[in-house]
Amino acid sequence: MTDFLDFVDLCERQLRLSGVHEGERVAIVSKGDERLDYADAFMAAARRLGAPTYHVRLPGGSGAGGSLASLQVGATPLSGNPAATEALKQSDLLIDLVFLLFSAEQMDIQATGTRILSVVEPVEVLREMFPVPGQKERIDHGVELLRRASELRVTSPFGTDVTYRLNTFPVVPEYGFNDRPGEWDHWPSGFLFTGGDEDGVDGTVVIAPGDIVFPFNAYVRTPITLTVEHGRIVDVRGELDALLLREYMASFGDPDAYGISHIGWGMHERARRTSLAVDFKGIGMEARATYGNVLFSTGPNGELGGSNHTACHVDVPLHGCSLLLDGEPVIVDGDIVVPEMKAAQ
């Protein structure tokens, strides 16, 4: 009971950060038997704040479980259930325990002004990566730099040299809480991203030993060299790791599986790149949000307003890279060099 009450306290802190106040409507969506303790904790926390709350529990099925290994992005148990979707639209804040990211239902709910906070990581990860003081301000500085840029370039000692033209898509911050109507965020996080023009990404990406490929949930041991032309992967070269990635992407039978999705960088100083090696749990947000990593992504870009809705989504946190905006360095060899964005010492 003590552990549950501690979790309620943590959820209350999260709701306060997310701007929940008396009279605001908080909805919770879950599926099957997954994360029912999370739903109970959030309902108790919302009641403490005087916020009316309700829980929509869907049948088990498609969507994120405890791992991205089985995730078919865009497929959720809300699909074909318009009544449930309409019920969720009536909320001011939706706590998403299913992981609706990339789905049409997510976009539909956000369009009404409902803000969404996805919460699917284990409690210990939520606690350890709770937003730290100053994190939002540092992310916001990165957002402004990225919004003003027309070109993003990533290089690395391992051979990466890829350029993104930035003319089309918005910049999306992930603060680890959500007080912005109509927006999506994820607890835990500490990250920002955008997308290159759909035909405007060109160059070479080398996934080096020690980088992580999601949804494989594994560190790469042999380099994978991707050739990107006009926003598409046209070649995947290397040894076993490259073979596995090539076969995985081909298994979808979808040309859009080779499209380039979002690009951004991590800014959470508590996140550990080693978490996958020592005590991996959840869906890997620690590795994605690690301070100074560059997150390279392939597949769907619908959450940015793009046209790619493939179910094949690959995230690769790249370590030791340099990232430049219009030729000005933001990250050098894995270290954030912009003073306003550096982690507190």
Protein backbone atom coordinates (compact mmCIF):
# COMPACT_ATOMS: atom_id res chain seq x y z
CA MET A 1 0.00 0.00 0.00
CA THR A 2 2.86 2.37 0.80
CA ASP A 3 4.37 1.83 -2.66
CA PHE A 4 1.02 2.60 -4.30
CA LEU A 5 0.57 5.81 -2.29
CA ASP A 6 4.10 6.84 -3.25
CA PHE A 7 3.14 6.33 -6.89
CA VAL A 8 -0.02 8.40 -6.40
CA ASP A 9 2.20 11.18 -4.99
CA LEU A 10 4.42 10.93 -8.08
CA CYS A 11 1.40 11.05 -10.40
CA GLU A 12 0.09 14.10 -8.54
CA ARG A 13 3.42 15.86 -9.10
CA GLN A 14 3.14 14.98 -12.78
CA LEU A 15 -0.43 16.28 -13.06
CA ARG A 16 0.54 19.54 -11.36
CA LEU A 17 3.41 19.99 -13.83
CA SER A 18 0.95 19.24 -16.63
CA GLY A 19 -1.29 22.11 -15.51
CA VAL A 20 -4.17 20.06 -14.10
CA HIS A 21 -6.42 22.14 -11.85
CA GLU A 22 -9.78 21.92 -10.16
CA GLY A 23 -12.58 21.27 -12.63
CA GLU A 24 -10.33 20.14 -15.49
CA ARG A 25 -11.31 16.81 -17.02
CA VAL A 26 -8.70 14.04 -16.95
CA ALA A 27 -9.28 10.87 -18.98
CA ILE A 28 -7.24 7.69 -18.81
CA VAL A 29 -7.11 5.08 -21.56
CA SER A 30 -5.77 1.57 -20.98
CA LYS A 31 -6.14 -1.84 -22.58
CA GLY A 32 -6.79 -5.27 -21.14
CA ASP A 33 -5.02 -5.87 -17.85
CA GLU A 34 -2.07 -3.61 -18.64
CA ARG A 35 -1.15 -0.80 -16.24
CA LEU A 36 -4.37 -0.85 -14.26
CA ASP A 37 -2.35 0.25 -11.22
CA TYR A 38 -1.25 3.28 -13.25
CA ALA A 39 -4.88 4.09 -14.04
CA ASP A 40 -5.84 3.82 -10.37
CA ALA A 41 -2.91 6.00 -9.30
CA PHE A 42 -3.72 8.73 -11.82
CA MET A 43 -7.41 8.72 -10.87
CA ALA A 44 -6.52 9.09 -7.19
CA ALA A 45 -4.06 11.89 -8.01
CA ALA A 46 -6.61 13.72 -10.18
CA ARG A 47 -9.22 13.54 -7.42
CA ARG A 48 -6.75 15.13 -5.00
CA LEU A 49 -6.59 18.10 -7.39
CA GLY A 50 -10.34 18.34 -7.76
CA ALA A 51 -10.22 17.25 -11.40
CA PRO A 52 -13.09 15.04 -12.62
CA THR A 53 -11.58 11.87 -14.06
CA TYR A 54 -12.73 8.81 -15.96
CA HIS A 55 -11.10 5.63 -17.26
CA VAL A 56 -11.73 4.08 -20.69
CA ARG A 57 -10.51 0.47 -20.54
CA LEU A 58 -10.22 -1.14 -23.97
CA PRO A 59 -9.86 -4.81 -24.87
CA GLY A 60 -6.30 -6.10 -25.09
CA GLY A 61 -4.80 -6.12 -28.58
CA SER A 62 -2.62 -3.96 -30.80
CA GLY A 63 -0.45 -1.23 -29.34
CA ALA A 64 2.59 -0.95 -27.13
CA GLY A 65 3.03 -3.42 -24.37
CA GLY A 66 6.14 -3.56 -22.24
CA SER A 67 8.48 -3.53 -25.21
CA LEU A 68 8.71 -1.96 -28.63
CA ALA A 69 9.73 -5.33 -30.02
CA SER A 70 6.09 -6.21 -30.73
CA LEU A 71 4.91 -2.72 -31.59
CA GLN A 72 3.09 -2.12 -34.85
CA VAL A 73 3.00 1.65 -34.79
CA GLY A 74 -0.27 3.28 -35.72
CA ALA A 75 -2.35 0.23 -34.76
CA THR A 76 -4.26 0.70 -31.50
CA PRO A 77 -7.31 -0.85 -29.82
CA LEU A 78 -9.08 2.46 -30.51
CA SER A 79 -9.14 1.58 -34.21
CA GLY A 80 -12.71 0.89 -35.24
CA ASN A 81 -14.04 2.13 -31.89
CA PRO A 82 -15.31 5.65 -32.58
CA ALA A 83 -17.42 5.76 -29.41
CA ALA A 84 -14.35 5.33 -27.22
CA THR A 85 -12.45 7.90 -29.25
CA GLU A 86 -15.29 10.39 -28.85
CA ALA A 87 -15.33 9.82 -25.10
CA LEU A 88 -11.60 10.60 -24.87
CA LYS A 89 -12.07 13.81 -26.86
CA GLN A 90 -14.18 15.18 -24.02
CA SER A 91 -11.13 15.40 -21.74
CA ASP A 92 -8.71 18.27 -21.28
CA LEU A 93 -5.81 15.90 -20.54
CA LEU A 94 -5.63 12.30 -21.72
CA ILE A 95 -3.29 9.95 -19.88
CA ASP A 96 -2.38 7.40 -22.55
CA LEU A 97 -1.41 4.04 -21.06
CA VAL A 98 -1.74 2.31 -24.46
CA PHE A 99 0.80 4.31 -26.54
CA LEU A 100 -1.27 5.90 -29.27
CA LEU A 101 1.69 7.56 -30.99
CA PHE A 102 1.52 7.63 -34.82
CA SER A 103 -2.14 6.57 -34.85
CA ALA A 104 -4.98 8.33 -36.64
CA GLU A 105 -6.92 8.30 -33.37
CA GLN A 106 -4.15 10.25 -31.62
CA MET A 107 -4.29 12.95 -34.29
CA ASP A 108 -8.09 13.03 -34.12
CA ILE A 109 -8.11 13.48 -30.34
CA GLN A 110 -5.43 16.19 -30.39
CA ALA A 111 -7.34 18.11 -33.07
CA THR A 112 -10.07 18.82 -30.51
CA GLY A 113 -7.58 20.56 -28.20
CA THR A 114 -7.12 17.62 -25.84
CA ARG A 115 -3.51 17.28 -24.74
CA ILE A 116 -2.04 13.79 -24.43
CA LEU A 117 0.57 12.42 -22.06
CA SER A 118 1.80 8.89 -22.83
CA VAL A 119 2.91 6.90 -19.78
CA VAL A 120 4.09 3.34 -20.44
CA GLU A 121 7.50 3.06 -18.77
CA PRO A 122 8.03 1.20 -15.44
CA VAL A 123 7.50 3.18 -12.26
CA GLU A 124 11.18 3.19 -11.36
CA VAL A 125 12.02 4.78 -14.74
CA LEU A 126 9.24 7.35 -14.31
CA ARG A 127 10.65 8.26 -10.91
CA GLU A 128 14.31 8.38 -11.95
CA MET A 129 13.60 10.45 -15.07
CA PHE A 130 11.06 12.83 -13.58
CA PRO A 131 11.61 16.24 -15.22
CA VAL A 132 14.52 18.06 -13.57
CA PRO A 133 14.59 21.80 -12.77
CA GLY A 134 15.54 23.89 -15.78
CA GLN A 135 14.96 21.07 -18.25
CA LYS A 136 12.06 22.78 -20.02
CA GLU A 137 13.99 26.03 -20.42
CA ARG A 138 17.00 24.24 -21.92
CA ILE A 139 14.77 22.31 -24.32
CA ASP A 140 12.96 25.51 -25.29
CA HIS A 141 16.27 27.12 -26.24
CA GLY A 142 16.97 24.17 -28.53
CA VAL A 143 13.48 24.46 -30.01
CA GLU A 144 14.14 28.10 -30.96
CA LEU A 145 17.48 27.24 -32.58
CA LEU A 146 15.91 24.40 -34.53
CA ARG A 147 12.93 26.49 -35.64
CA ARG A 148 15.23 29.13 -37.12
CA ALA A 149 17.44 26.64 -38.97
CA SER A 150 17.04 25.72 -42.61
CA GLU A 151 19.60 22.88 -42.55
CA LEU A 152 20.56 20.23 -40.01
CA ARG A 153 23.70 18.17 -40.53
CA VAL A 154 24.94 15.19 -38.52
CA THR A 155 28.50 13.89 -38.74
CA SER A 156 30.47 11.35 -36.74
CA PRO A 157 33.97 9.86 -36.56
CA PHE A 158 32.37 6.59 -37.69
CA GLY A 159 31.44 7.96 -41.14
CA THR A 160 28.01 9.54 -40.70
CA ASP A 161 27.50 12.63 -42.83
CA VAL A 162 23.84 13.32 -43.51
CA THR A 163 21.99 16.57 -44.20
CA TYR A 164 18.33 17.43 -43.58
CA ARG A 165 16.62 20.33 -45.35
CA LEU A 166 14.22 21.95 -42.86
CA ASN A 167 11.38 23.73 -44.63
CA THR A 168 8.25 21.74 -43.90
CA PHE A 169 7.70 20.36 -40.42
CA PRO A 170 7.31 21.80 -36.93
CA VAL A 171 9.69 21.32 -34.03
CA VAL A 172 8.29 19.11 -31.27
CA PRO A 173 9.60 19.32 -27.71
CA GLU A 174 9.23 16.47 -25.24
CA TYR A 175 9.39 17.91 -21.74
CA GLY A 176 8.24 14.83 -19.85
CA PHE A 177 4.98 16.60 -18.95
CA ASN A 178 2.24 18.32 -20.98
CA ASP A 179 0.49 21.61 -20.24
CA ARG A 180 -0.01 22.52 -23.95
CA PRO A 181 -3.53 22.14 -25.39
CA GLY A 182 -3.68 19.92 -28.45
CA GLU A 183 -0.10 18.63 -28.04
CA TRP A 184 1.47 15.27 -27.25
CA ASP A 185 4.24 14.49 -24.77
CA HIS A 186 5.73 11.50 -23.06
CA TRP A 187 6.69 10.81 -19.44
CA PRO A 188 9.59 10.25 -19.18
CA SER A 189 11.42 12.28 -21.79
CA GLY A 190 13.73 15.23 -22.32
CA PHE A 191 14.11 15.60 -26.02
CA LEU A 192 13.24 17.62 -29.12
CA PHE A 193 12.83 16.69 -32.76
CA THR A 194 11.70 17.73 -36.20
CA GLY A 195 11.73 16.19 -39.66
CA GLY A 196 13.52 16.95 -42.85
CA ASP A 197 11.59 17.66 -46.02
CA GLU A 198 10.23 14.36 -47.29
CA ASP A 199 12.60 14.48 -50.26
CA GLY A 200 15.24 16.55 -48.49
CA VAL A 201 17.43 14.12 -46.55
CA ASP A 202 20.67 12.97 -48.21
CA GLY A 203 23.93 11.39 -47.16
CA THR A 204 25.32 8.50 -45.15
CA VAL A 205 24.33 7.29 -41.69
CA VAL A 206 26.66 4.83 -40.00
CA ILE A 207 25.09 2.99 -37.08
CA ALA A 208 28.27 2.27 -35.15
CA PRO A 209 29.10 -0.43 -32.59
CA GLY A 210 27.53 0.66 -29.31
CA ASP A 211 24.59 2.42 -30.95
CA ILE A 212 21.15 0.99 -30.22
CA VAL A 213 18.52 -0.15 -32.72
CA PHE A 214 14.92 -0.06 -31.57
CA PRO A 215 12.75 -2.13 -31.85
CA PHE A 216 15.55 -4.73 -31.69
CA ASN A 217 16.41 -3.44 -28.20
CA ALA A 218 20.03 -4.31 -28.88
CA TYR A 219 23.41 -2.66 -29.18
CA VAL A 220 24.95 -2.90 -32.63
CA ARG A 221 28.18 -4.92 -32.74
CA THR A 222 29.04 -4.48 -36.41
CA PRO A 223 28.62 -1.21 -38.34
CA ILE A 224 25.53 -0.64 -40.47
CA THR A 225 25.96 1.83 -43.31
CA LEU A 226 22.81 3.43 -44.66
CA THR A 227 22.81 5.41 -47.89
CA VAL A 228 20.03 8.02 -47.97
CA GLU A 229 18.89 9.78 -51.12
CA HIS A 230 15.98 12.22 -51.38
CA GLY A 231 14.57 11.16 -48.01
CA ARG A 232 14.76 7.39 -48.61
CA ILE A 233 17.16 4.65 -47.57
CA VAL A 234 18.44 3.16 -50.82
CA ASP A 235 21.13 0.84 -49.46
CA VAL A 236 21.84 -1.02 -46.22
CA ARG A 237 25.37 -2.46 -46.00
CA GLY A 238 27.30 -4.35 -43.37
CA GLU A 239 27.50 -7.73 -41.70
CA LEU A 240 25.00 -9.49 -39.40
CA ASP A 241 23.45 -6.37 -37.89
CA ALA A 242 22.88 -4.90 -41.35
CA LEU A 243 21.37 -8.17 -42.56
CA LEU A 244 18.90 -8.20 -39.64
CA LEU A 245 17.89 -4.59 -40.20
CA ARG A 246 17.54 -5.09 -43.96
CA GLU A 247 15.35 -8.18 -43.50
CA TYR A 248 13.25 -6.50 -40.80
CA MET A 249 12.46 -3.50 -42.98
CA ALA A 250 11.75 -5.69 -46.01
CA SER A 251 9.32 -7.82 -43.99
CA PHE A 252 6.74 -5.01 -44.03
CA GLY A 253 6.47 -5.14 -47.81
CA ASP A 254 6.05 -1.38 -47.79
CA PRO A 255 8.18 1.10 -49.77
CA ASP A 256 7.47 3.72 -47.11
CA ALA A 257 9.35 1.60 -44.57
CA TYR A 258 12.52 3.12 -46.06
CA GLY A 259 11.45 6.73 -45.56
CA ILE A 260 13.35 8.96 -43.14
CA SER A 261 11.32 10.14 -40.16
CA HIS A 262 12.26 12.49 -37.33
CA ILE A 263 15.67 13.75 -36.20
CA GLY A 264 16.54 15.35 -32.88
CA TRP A 265 18.68 15.13 -29.79
CA GLY A 266 18.39 14.07 -26.15
CA MET A 267 18.76 16.47 -23.23
CA HIS A 268 18.01 14.50 -20.04
CA GLU A 269 21.17 14.29 -17.95
CA ARG A 270 19.80 11.45 -15.80
CA ALA A 271 19.13 9.18 -18.78
CA ARG A 272 21.68 6.39 -19.24
CA ARG A 273 22.82 4.96 -22.55
CA THR A 274 23.96 1.88 -20.59
CA SER A 275 20.45 1.12 -19.32
CA LEU A 276 19.90 -1.41 -22.09
CA ALA A 277 22.94 -3.37 -20.97
CA VAL A 278 22.34 -3.50 -17.23
CA ASP A 279 18.66 -3.24 -16.33
CA PHE A 280 16.57 -2.63 -19.44
CA LYS A 281 12.87 -2.15 -18.76
CA GLY A 282 10.02 -0.56 -20.66
CA ILE A 283 10.34 0.87 -24.17
CA GLY A 284 13.77 2.48 -23.99
CA MET A 285 13.13 6.16 -23.34
CA GLU A 286 16.34 6.40 -21.33
CA ALA A 287 18.43 5.58 -24.39
CA ARG A 288 16.38 7.89 -26.61
CA ALA A 289 16.64 10.88 -24.25
CA THR A 290 20.29 10.46 -23.23
CA TYR A 291 22.04 13.81 -22.98
CA GLY A 292 23.88 14.60 -26.23
CA ASN A 293 22.65 11.64 -28.26
CA VAL A 294 21.31 12.21 -31.79
CA LEU A 295 18.13 10.23 -32.39
CA PHE A 296 17.88 9.13 -36.02
CA SER A 297 14.53 7.66 -37.02
CA THR A 298 12.94 5.98 -40.01
CA GLY A 299 9.35 5.35 -41.06
CA PRO A 300 6.20 7.24 -40.11
CA ASN A 301 6.13 11.02 -39.86
CA GLY A 302 2.40 11.54 -39.44
CA GLU A 303 2.82 13.09 -35.99
CA LEU A 304 4.68 15.92 -37.75
CA GLY A 305 1.99 16.28 -40.40
CA GLY A 306 3.80 14.19 -43.02
CA SER A 307 2.41 11.65 -45.47
CA ASN A 308 4.28 8.52 -44.34
CA HIS A 309 2.09 6.21 -42.26
CA THR A 310 4.05 2.96 -42.52
CA ALA A 311 3.96 0.54 -39.59
CA CYS A 312 7.75 0.12 -39.76
CA HIS A 313 9.39 2.47 -37.27
CA VAL A 314 13.08 2.30 -36.34
CA ASP A 315 14.73 4.54 -33.75
CA VAL A 316 18.51 4.69 -33.47
CA PRO A 317 20.16 6.79 -30.74
CA LEU A 318 23.56 7.63 -32.26
CA HIS A 319 26.42 8.32 -29.84
CA GLY A 320 29.51 10.46 -30.31
CA CYS A 321 28.03 12.54 -33.14
CA SER A 322 28.23 16.22 -34.01
CA LEU A 323 25.09 18.11 -34.98
CA LEU A 324 25.14 21.45 -36.76
CA LEU A 325 22.33 23.88 -37.55
CA ASP A 326 23.11 26.06 -40.56
CA GLY A 327 26.77 25.22 -40.00
CA GLU A 328 26.77 26.20 -36.30
CA PRO A 329 27.60 23.37 -33.85
CA VAL A 330 25.02 22.38 -31.27
CA ILE A 331 26.58 19.03 -30.36
CA VAL A 332 30.26 18.18 -30.82
CA ASP A 333 31.34 14.56 -30.42
CA GLY A 334 28.33 13.81 -28.24
CA ASP A 335 28.60 16.89 -26.02
CA ILE A 336 26.10 19.77 -26.14
CA VAL A 337 28.15 22.94 -26.61
CA VAL A 338 25.46 25.67 -26.58
CA PRO A 339 25.79 27.23 -23.10
CA GLU A 340 22.04 27.79 -22.63
CA MET A 341 21.40 24.11 -23.32
CA LYS A 342 24.10 22.52 -21.20
CA ALA A 343 23.07 20.42 -18.21
CA ALA A 344 23.47 21.91 -14.77
CA GLN A 345 26.69 20.75 -13.14
